[in-house]
Amino acid sequence: WLGGGVARRPGDIDAVAVAQGLLPRWQGGPMFQADRRGLMVLRAALQQHKDSAPQLFAPAALLDDLIAEGRVFADLNRG
């Protein structure tokens, strides 16, 4: 969503997920959870499942860029 321009910021995705009841408010959204658990952990989980549905689980280039730069999704909310 971020890389394809559907959402401007990770916080937008989190807000929609919480508003739609996909995650409890106290847990934050999926992007917050990804930062909390670690982007390397997320990437490893996506890699593990990508053979079953590559269009859904293939890690986006944005994820690799953030990892390489030592950044997290929350950094994209600031700019």
PDB file of N, CA and C in Angstrom:
ATOM      1  N   TRP A   1       0.814  -1.197   0.000  1.00  0.00           N
ATOM      2  CA  TRP A   1       0.000   0.000   0.000  1.00  0.00           C
ATOM      3  C   TRP A   1       0.845   1.243   0.000  1.00  0.00           C
ATOM      4  N   LEU A   2       1.885   1.228   0.809  1.00  0.00           N
ATOM      5  CA  LEU A   2       2.757   2.401   0.857  1.00  0.00           C
ATOM      6  C   LEU A   2       3.537   2.558  -0.439  1.00  0.00           C
ATOM      7  N   GLY A   3       4.160   1.505  -0.886  1.00  0.00           N
ATOM      8  CA  GLY A   3       4.964   1.572  -2.097  1.00  0.00           C
ATOM      9  C   GLY A   3       4.141   1.850  -3.339  1.00  0.00           C
ATOM     10  N   GLY A   4       2.896   1.428  -3.342  1.00  0.00           N
ATOM     11  CA  GLY A   4       2.026   1.631  -4.500  1.00  0.00           C
ATOM     12  C   GLY A   4       1.241   2.923  -4.469  1.00  0.00           C
ATOM     13  N   GLY A   5       1.410   3.711  -3.421  1.00  0.00           N
ATOM     14  CA  GLY A   5       0.741   5.005  -3.349  1.00  0.00           C
ATOM     15  C   GLY A   5      -0.692   4.974  -2.860  1.00  0.00           C
ATOM     16  N   VAL A   6      -1.163   3.841  -2.380  1.00  0.00           N
ATOM     17  CA  VAL A   6      -2.533   3.758  -1.865  1.00  0.00           C
ATOM     18  C   VAL A   6      -2.653   4.537  -0.560  1.00  0.00           C
ATOM     19  N   ALA A   7      -1.640   4.455   0.271  1.00  0.00           N
ATOM     20  CA  ALA A   7      -1.607   5.197   1.543  1.00  0.00           C
ATOM     21  C   ALA A   7      -0.378   6.097   1.543  1.00  0.00           C
ATOM     22  N   ARG A   8      -0.511   7.261   2.155  1.00  0.00           N
ATOM     23  CA  ARG A   8       0.620   8.194   2.211  1.00  0.00           C
ATOM     24  C   ARG A   8       1.606   7.848   3.312  1.00  0.00           C
ATOM     25  N   ARG A   9       1.070   7.432   4.447  1.00  0.00           N
ATOM     26  CA  ARG A   9       1.915   7.185   5.623  1.00  0.00           C
ATOM     27  C   ARG A   9       1.508   5.877   6.293  1.00  0.00           C
ATOM     28  N   PRO A  10       2.443   5.243   6.997  1.00  0.00           N
ATOM     29  CA  PRO A  10       2.111   4.041   7.754  1.00  0.00           C
ATOM     30  C   PRO A  10       1.006   4.297   8.784  1.00  0.00           C
ATOM     31  N   GLY A  11       1.000   5.493   9.367  1.00  0.00           N
ATOM     32  CA  GLY A  11      -0.034   5.834  10.340  1.00  0.00           C
ATOM     33  C   GLY A  11      -1.428   5.806   9.755  1.00  0.00           C
ATOM     34  N   ASP A  12      -1.553   6.093   8.460  1.00  0.00           N
ATOM     35  CA  ASP A  12      -2.858   6.025   7.795  1.00  0.00           C
ATOM     36  C   ASP A  12      -3.371   4.587   7.765  1.00  0.00           C
ATOM     37  N   ILE A  13      -2.474   3.668   7.477  1.00  0.00           N
ATOM     38  CA  ILE A  13      -2.835   2.244   7.451  1.00  0.00           C
ATOM     39  C   ILE A  13      -3.239   1.791   8.846  1.00  0.00           C
ATOM     40  N   ASP A  14      -2.465   2.203   9.844  1.00  0.00           N
ATOM     41  CA  ASP A  14      -2.781   1.849  11.228  1.00  0.00           C
ATOM     42  C   ASP A  14      -4.149   2.390  11.638  1.00  0.00           C
ATOM     43  N   ALA A  15      -4.430   3.638  11.283  1.00  0.00           N
ATOM     44  CA  ALA A  15      -5.704   4.260  11.654  1.00  0.00           C
ATOM     45  C   ALA A  15      -6.885   3.511  11.048  1.00  0.00           C
ATOM     46  N   VAL A  16      -6.768   3.137   9.795  1.00  0.00           N
ATOM     47  CA  VAL A  16      -7.853   2.400   9.137  1.00  0.00           C
ATOM     48  C   VAL A  16      -8.033   1.027   9.767  1.00  0.00           C
ATOM     49  N   ALA A  17      -6.935   0.337  10.040  1.00  0.00           N
ATOM     50  CA  ALA A  17      -7.014  -0.998  10.637  1.00  0.00           C
ATOM     51  C   ALA A  17      -7.697  -0.957  12.002  1.00  0.00           C
ATOM     52  N   VAL A  18      -7.351   0.029  12.805  1.00  0.00           N
ATOM     53  CA  VAL A  18      -7.960   0.152  14.134  1.00  0.00           C
ATOM     54  C   VAL A  18      -9.421   0.567  14.011  1.00  0.00           C
ATOM     55  N   ALA A  19      -9.712   1.524  13.134  1.00  0.00           N
ATOM     56  CA  ALA A  19     -11.092   1.999  12.959  1.00  0.00           C
ATOM     57  C   ALA A  19     -12.016   0.890  12.450  1.00  0.00           C
ATOM     58  N   GLN A  20     -11.477  -0.009  11.646  1.00  0.00           N
ATOM     59  CA  GLN A  20     -12.271  -1.107  11.103  1.00  0.00           C
ATOM     60  C   GLN A  20     -12.344  -2.306  12.053  1.00  0.00           C
ATOM     61  N   GLY A  21     -11.670  -2.204  13.185  1.00  0.00           N
ATOM     62  CA  GLY A  21     -11.728  -3.273  14.168  1.00  0.00           C
ATOM     63  C   GLY A  21     -10.826  -4.456  13.851  1.00  0.00           C
ATOM     64  N   LEU A  22      -9.859  -4.270  12.966  1.00  0.00           N
ATOM     65  CA  LEU A  22      -8.958  -5.364  12.623  1.00  0.00           C
ATOM     66  C   LEU A  22      -7.972  -5.660  13.742  1.00  0.00           C
ATOM     67  N   LEU A  23      -7.648  -4.632  14.510  1.00  0.00           N
ATOM     68  CA  LEU A  23      -6.777  -4.773  15.675  1.00  0.00           C
ATOM     69  C   LEU A  23      -7.339  -3.906  16.786  1.00  0.00           C
ATOM     70  N   PRO A  24      -7.185  -4.341  18.032  1.00  0.00           N
ATOM     71  CA  PRO A  24      -7.637  -3.492  19.138  1.00  0.00           C
ATOM     72  C   PRO A  24      -6.819  -2.197  19.194  1.00  0.00           C
ATOM     73  N   ARG A  25      -7.443  -1.135  19.600  1.00  0.00           N
ATOM     74  CA  ARG A  25      -6.785   0.167  19.660  1.00  0.00           C
ATOM     75  C   ARG A  25      -5.501   0.135  20.494  1.00  0.00           C
ATOM     76  N   TRP A  26      -5.547  -0.581  21.594  1.00  0.00           N
ATOM     77  CA  TRP A  26      -4.382  -0.614  22.477  1.00  0.00           C
ATOM     78  C   TRP A  26      -3.192  -1.323  21.854  1.00  0.00           C
ATOM     79  N   GLN A  27      -3.409  -2.108  20.796  1.00  0.00           N
ATOM     80  CA  GLN A  27      -2.298  -2.791  20.123  1.00  0.00           C
ATOM     81  C   GLN A  27      -1.684  -1.945  19.011  1.00  0.00           C
ATOM     82  N   GLY A  28      -2.368  -0.891  18.620  1.00  0.00           N
ATOM     83  CA  GLY A  28      -1.906  -0.113  17.478  1.00  0.00           C
ATOM     84  C   GLY A  28      -2.241  -0.849  16.195  1.00  0.00           C
ATOM     85  N   GLY A  29      -1.768  -0.338  15.098  1.00  0.00           N
ATOM     86  CA  GLY A  29      -2.057  -0.967  13.812  1.00  0.00           C
ATOM     87  C   GLY A  29      -0.956  -1.907  13.358  1.00  0.00           C
ATOM     88  N   PRO A  30      -1.106  -2.465  12.170  1.00  0.00           N
ATOM     89  CA  PRO A  30      -0.131  -3.433  11.669  1.00  0.00           C
ATOM     90  C   PRO A  30       1.257  -2.836  11.425  1.00  0.00           C
ATOM     91  N   MET A  31       1.313  -1.580  11.026  1.00  0.00           N
ATOM     92  CA  MET A  31       2.612  -0.955  10.789  1.00  0.00           C
ATOM     93  C   MET A  31       3.326  -0.694  12.118  1.00  0.00           C
ATOM     94  N   PHE A  32       2.569  -0.277  13.114  1.00  0.00           N
ATOM     95  CA  PHE A  32       3.126  -0.093  14.454  1.00  0.00           C
ATOM     96  C   PHE A  32       3.654  -1.422  14.982  1.00  0.00           C
ATOM     97  N   GLN A  33       2.880  -2.467  14.792  1.00  0.00           N
ATOM     98  CA  GLN A  33       3.294  -3.794  15.259  1.00  0.00           C
ATOM     99  C   GLN A  33       4.543  -4.276  14.520  1.00  0.00           C
ATOM    100  N   ALA A  34       4.633  -3.969  13.225  1.00  0.00           N
ATOM    101  CA  ALA A  34       5.831  -4.358  12.466  1.00  0.00           C
ATOM    102  C   ALA A  34       7.072  -3.674  13.034  1.00  0.00           C
ATOM    103  N   ASP A  35       6.942  -2.373  13.330  1.00  0.00           N
ATOM    104  CA  ASP A  35       8.072  -1.659  13.938  1.00  0.00           C
ATOM    105  C   ASP A  35       8.414  -2.242  15.299  1.00  0.00           C
ATOM    106  N   ARG A  36       7.400  -2.547  16.055  1.00  0.00           N
ATOM    107  CA  ARG A  36       7.603  -3.058  17.418  1.00  0.00           C
ATOM    108  C   ARG A  36       8.315  -4.416  17.416  1.00  0.00           C
ATOM    109  N   ARG A  37       7.913  -5.277  16.501  1.00  0.00           N
ATOM    110  CA  ARG A  37       8.516  -6.610  16.437  1.00  0.00           C
ATOM    111  C   ARG A  37       9.847  -6.607  15.708  1.00  0.00           C
ATOM    112  N   GLY A  38      10.019  -5.668  14.804  1.00  0.00           N
ATOM    113  CA  GLY A  38      11.258  -5.553  14.033  1.00  0.00           C
ATOM    114  C   GLY A  38      11.030  -5.873  12.564  1.00  0.00           C
ATOM    115  N   LEU A  39      11.590  -5.032  11.710  1.00  0.00           N
ATOM    116  CA  LEU A  39      11.381  -5.216  10.270  1.00  0.00           C
ATOM    117  C   LEU A  39      12.081  -6.460   9.740  1.00  0.00           C
ATOM    118  N   MET A  40      13.174  -6.859  10.380  1.00  0.00           N
ATOM    119  CA  MET A  40      13.837  -8.102   9.960  1.00  0.00           C
ATOM    120  C   MET A  40      12.957  -9.313  10.277  1.00  0.00           C
ATOM    121  N   VAL A  41      12.260  -9.256  11.398  1.00  0.00           N
ATOM    122  CA  VAL A  41      11.336 -10.339  11.762  1.00  0.00           C
ATOM    123  C   VAL A  41      10.200 -10.399  10.749  1.00  0.00           C
ATOM    124  N   LEU A  42       9.664  -9.229  10.386  1.00  0.00           N
ATOM    125  CA  LEU A  42       8.598  -9.176   9.379  1.00  0.00           C
ATOM    126  C   LEU A  42       9.083  -9.733   8.053  1.00  0.00           C
ATOM    127  N   ARG A  43      10.258  -9.312   7.636  1.00  0.00           N
ATOM    128  CA  ARG A  43      10.789  -9.787   6.354  1.00  0.00           C
ATOM    129  C   ARG A  43      10.967 -11.303   6.356  1.00  0.00           C
ATOM    130  N   ALA A  44      11.484 -11.851   7.434  1.00  0.00           N
ATOM    131  CA  ALA A  44      11.666 -13.302   7.531  1.00  0.00           C
ATOM    132  C   ALA A  44      10.331 -14.036   7.450  1.00  0.00           C
ATOM    133  N   ALA A  45       9.305 -13.498   8.116  1.00  0.00           N
ATOM    134  CA  ALA A  45       7.977 -14.131   8.075  1.00  0.00           C
ATOM    135  C   ALA A  45       7.394 -14.073   6.666  1.00  0.00           C
ATOM    136  N   LEU A  46       7.557 -12.950   5.989  1.00  0.00           N
ATOM    137  CA  LEU A  46       7.068 -12.840   4.614  1.00  0.00           C
ATOM    138  C   LEU A  46       7.793 -13.808   3.698  1.00  0.00           C
ATOM    139  N   GLN A  47       9.101 -13.910   3.847  1.00  0.00           N
ATOM    140  CA  GLN A  47       9.896 -14.833   3.022  1.00  0.00           C
ATOM    141  C   GLN A  47       9.458 -16.278   3.224  1.00  0.00           C
ATOM    142  N   GLN A  48       9.105 -16.590   4.456  1.00  0.00           N
ATOM    143  CA  GLN A  48       8.696 -17.955   4.780  1.00  0.00           C
ATOM    144  C   GLN A  48       7.410 -18.349   4.053  1.00  0.00           C
ATOM    145  N   HIS A  49       6.542 -17.391   3.791  1.00  0.00           N
ATOM    146  CA  HIS A  49       5.234 -17.687   3.199  1.00  0.00           C
ATOM    147  C   HIS A  49       5.102 -17.281   1.729  1.00  0.00           C
ATOM    148  N   LYS A  50       6.129 -16.655   1.174  1.00  0.00           N
ATOM    149  CA  LYS A  50       5.963 -16.092  -0.159  1.00  0.00           C
ATOM    150  C   LYS A  50       5.742 -17.125  -1.257  1.00  0.00           C
ATOM    151  N   ASP A  51       6.208 -18.345  -1.082  1.00  0.00           N
ATOM    152  CA  ASP A  51       5.997 -19.364  -2.108  1.00  0.00           C
ATOM    153  C   ASP A  51       4.528 -19.741  -2.253  1.00  0.00           C
ATOM    154  N   SER A  52       3.763 -19.641  -1.172  1.00  0.00           N
ATOM    155  CA  SER A  52       2.353 -20.015  -1.227  1.00  0.00           C
ATOM    156  C   SER A  52       1.500 -18.953  -1.913  1.00  0.00           C
ATOM    157  N   ALA A  53       1.879 -17.691  -1.813  1.00  0.00           N
ATOM    158  CA  ALA A  53       1.129 -16.607  -2.457  1.00  0.00           C
ATOM    159  C   ALA A  53       2.068 -15.415  -2.644  1.00  0.00           C
ATOM    160  N   PRO A  54       2.904 -15.448  -3.669  1.00  0.00           N
ATOM    161  CA  PRO A  54       3.909 -14.396  -3.846  1.00  0.00           C
ATOM    162  C   PRO A  54       3.323 -12.997  -3.975  1.00  0.00           C
ATOM    163  N   GLN A  55       2.163 -12.869  -4.585  1.00  0.00           N
ATOM    164  CA  GLN A  55       1.555 -11.553  -4.748  1.00  0.00           C
ATOM    165  C   GLN A  55       1.133 -10.952  -3.413  1.00  0.00           C
ATOM    166  N   LEU A  56       0.970 -11.770  -2.409  1.00  0.00           N
ATOM    167  CA  LEU A  56       0.569 -11.301  -1.082  1.00  0.00           C
ATOM    168  C   LEU A  56       1.747 -11.196  -0.127  1.00  0.00           C
ATOM    169  N   PHE A  57       2.664 -12.138  -0.195  1.00  0.00           N
ATOM    170  CA  PHE A  57       3.707 -12.228   0.821  1.00  0.00           C
ATOM    171  C   PHE A  57       5.108 -11.810   0.373  1.00  0.00           C
ATOM    172  N   ALA A  58       5.323 -11.517  -0.892  1.00  0.00           N
ATOM    173  CA  ALA A  58       6.655 -11.093  -1.326  1.00  0.00           C
ATOM    174  C   ALA A  58       6.991  -9.754  -0.670  1.00  0.00           C
ATOM    175  N   PRO A  59       8.124  -9.661   0.014  1.00  0.00           N
ATOM    176  CA  PRO A  59       8.482  -8.398   0.670  1.00  0.00           C
ATOM    177  C   PRO A  59       8.618  -7.261  -0.343  1.00  0.00           C
ATOM    178  N   ALA A  60       8.046  -6.125  -0.016  1.00  0.00           N
ATOM    179  CA  ALA A  60       8.124  -4.949  -0.884  1.00  0.00           C
ATOM    180  C   ALA A  60       9.517  -4.343  -0.828  1.00  0.00           C
ATOM    181  N   ALA A  61       9.902  -3.682  -1.899  1.00  0.00           N
ATOM    182  CA  ALA A  61      11.208  -3.017  -1.956  1.00  0.00           C
ATOM    183  C   ALA A  61      11.343  -1.989  -0.836  1.00  0.00           C
ATOM    184  N   LEU A  62      10.246  -1.334  -0.474  1.00  0.00           N
ATOM    185  CA  LEU A  62      10.278  -0.347   0.605  1.00  0.00           C
ATOM    186  C   LEU A  62      10.778  -0.971   1.906  1.00  0.00           C
ATOM    187  N   LEU A  63      10.352  -2.187   2.186  1.00  0.00           N
ATOM    188  CA  LEU A  63      10.784  -2.873   3.398  1.00  0.00           C
ATOM    189  C   LEU A  63      12.302  -3.077   3.380  1.00  0.00           C
ATOM    190  N   ASP A  64      12.822  -3.533   2.254  1.00  0.00           N
ATOM    191  CA  ASP A  64      14.269  -3.719   2.133  1.00  0.00           C
ATOM    192  C   ASP A  64      15.014  -2.391   2.276  1.00  0.00           C
ATOM    193  N   ASP A  65      14.454  -1.332   1.703  1.00  0.00           N
ATOM    194  CA  ASP A  65      15.085  -0.010   1.805  1.00  0.00           C
ATOM    195  C   ASP A  65      15.150   0.456   3.258  1.00  0.00           C
ATOM    196  N   LEU A  66      14.048   0.309   3.975  1.00  0.00           N
ATOM    197  CA  LEU A  66      14.027   0.725   5.377  1.00  0.00           C
ATOM    198  C   LEU A  66      15.045  -0.055   6.204  1.00  0.00           C
ATOM    199  N   ILE A  67      15.114  -1.358   5.984  1.00  0.00           N
ATOM    200  CA  ILE A  67      16.068  -2.192   6.714  1.00  0.00           C
ATOM    201  C   ILE A  67      17.495  -1.750   6.393  1.00  0.00           C
ATOM    202  N   ALA A  68      17.789  -1.537   5.120  1.00  0.00           N
ATOM    203  CA  ALA A  68      19.141  -1.146   4.709  1.00  0.00           C
ATOM    204  C   ALA A  68      19.545   0.204   5.301  1.00  0.00           C
ATOM    205  N   GLU A  69      18.584   1.090   5.458  1.00  0.00           N
ATOM    206  CA  GLU A  69      18.861   2.431   5.989  1.00  0.00           C
ATOM    207  C   GLU A  69      18.772   2.502   7.508  1.00  0.00           C
ATOM    208  N   GLY A  70      18.405   1.386   8.141  1.00  0.00           N
ATOM    209  CA  GLY A  70      18.278   1.376   9.597  1.00  0.00           C
ATOM    210  C   GLY A  70      17.096   2.190  10.084  1.00  0.00           C
ATOM    211  N   ARG A  71      16.053   2.242   9.281  1.00  0.00           N
ATOM    212  CA  ARG A  71      14.862   3.022   9.628  1.00  0.00           C
ATOM    213  C   ARG A  71      13.694   2.083   9.906  1.00  0.00           C
ATOM    214  N   VAL A  72      12.582   2.656  10.353  1.00  0.00           N
ATOM    215  CA  VAL A  72      11.355   1.905  10.617  1.00  0.00           C
ATOM    216  C   VAL A  72      10.190   2.630   9.952  1.00  0.00           C
ATOM    217  N   PHE A  73       9.030   1.992   9.920  1.00  0.00           N
ATOM    218  CA  PHE A  73       7.858   2.602   9.292  1.00  0.00           C
ATOM    219  C   PHE A  73       7.488   3.939   9.928  1.00  0.00           C
ATOM    220  N   ALA A  74       7.641   4.050  11.229  1.00  0.00           N
ATOM    221  CA  ALA A  74       7.287   5.294  11.932  1.00  0.00           C
ATOM    222  C   ALA A  74       8.077   6.481  11.389  1.00  0.00           C
ATOM    223  N   ASP A  75       9.270   6.248  10.887  1.00  0.00           N
ATOM    224  CA  ASP A  75      10.058   7.335  10.307  1.00  0.00           C
ATOM    225  C   ASP A  75       9.349   7.972   9.107  1.00  0.00           C
ATOM    226  N   LEU A  76       8.535   7.196   8.415  1.00  0.00           N
ATOM    227  CA  LEU A  76       7.821   7.716   7.241  1.00  0.00           C
ATOM    228  C   LEU A  76       6.638   8.582   7.631  1.00  0.00           C
ATOM    229  N   ASN A  77       6.194   8.493   8.869  1.00  0.00           N
ATOM    230  CA  ASN A  77       5.104   9.353   9.349  1.00  0.00           C
ATOM    231  C   ASN A  77       5.579  10.783   9.557  1.00  0.00           C
ATOM    232  N   ARG A  78       6.850  10.963   9.735  1.00  0.00           N
ATOM    233  CA  ARG A  78       7.417  12.266  10.085  1.00  0.00           C
ATOM    234  C   ARG A  78       7.665  13.152   8.882  1.00  0.00           C
ATOM    235  N   GLY A  79       7.745  12.562   7.701  1.00  0.00           N
ATOM    236  CA  GLY A  79       8.128  13.355   6.546  1.00  0.00           C
ATOM    237  C   GLY A  79       7.073  13.503   5.594  1.00  0.00           C
TER     238      GLY A  79
END
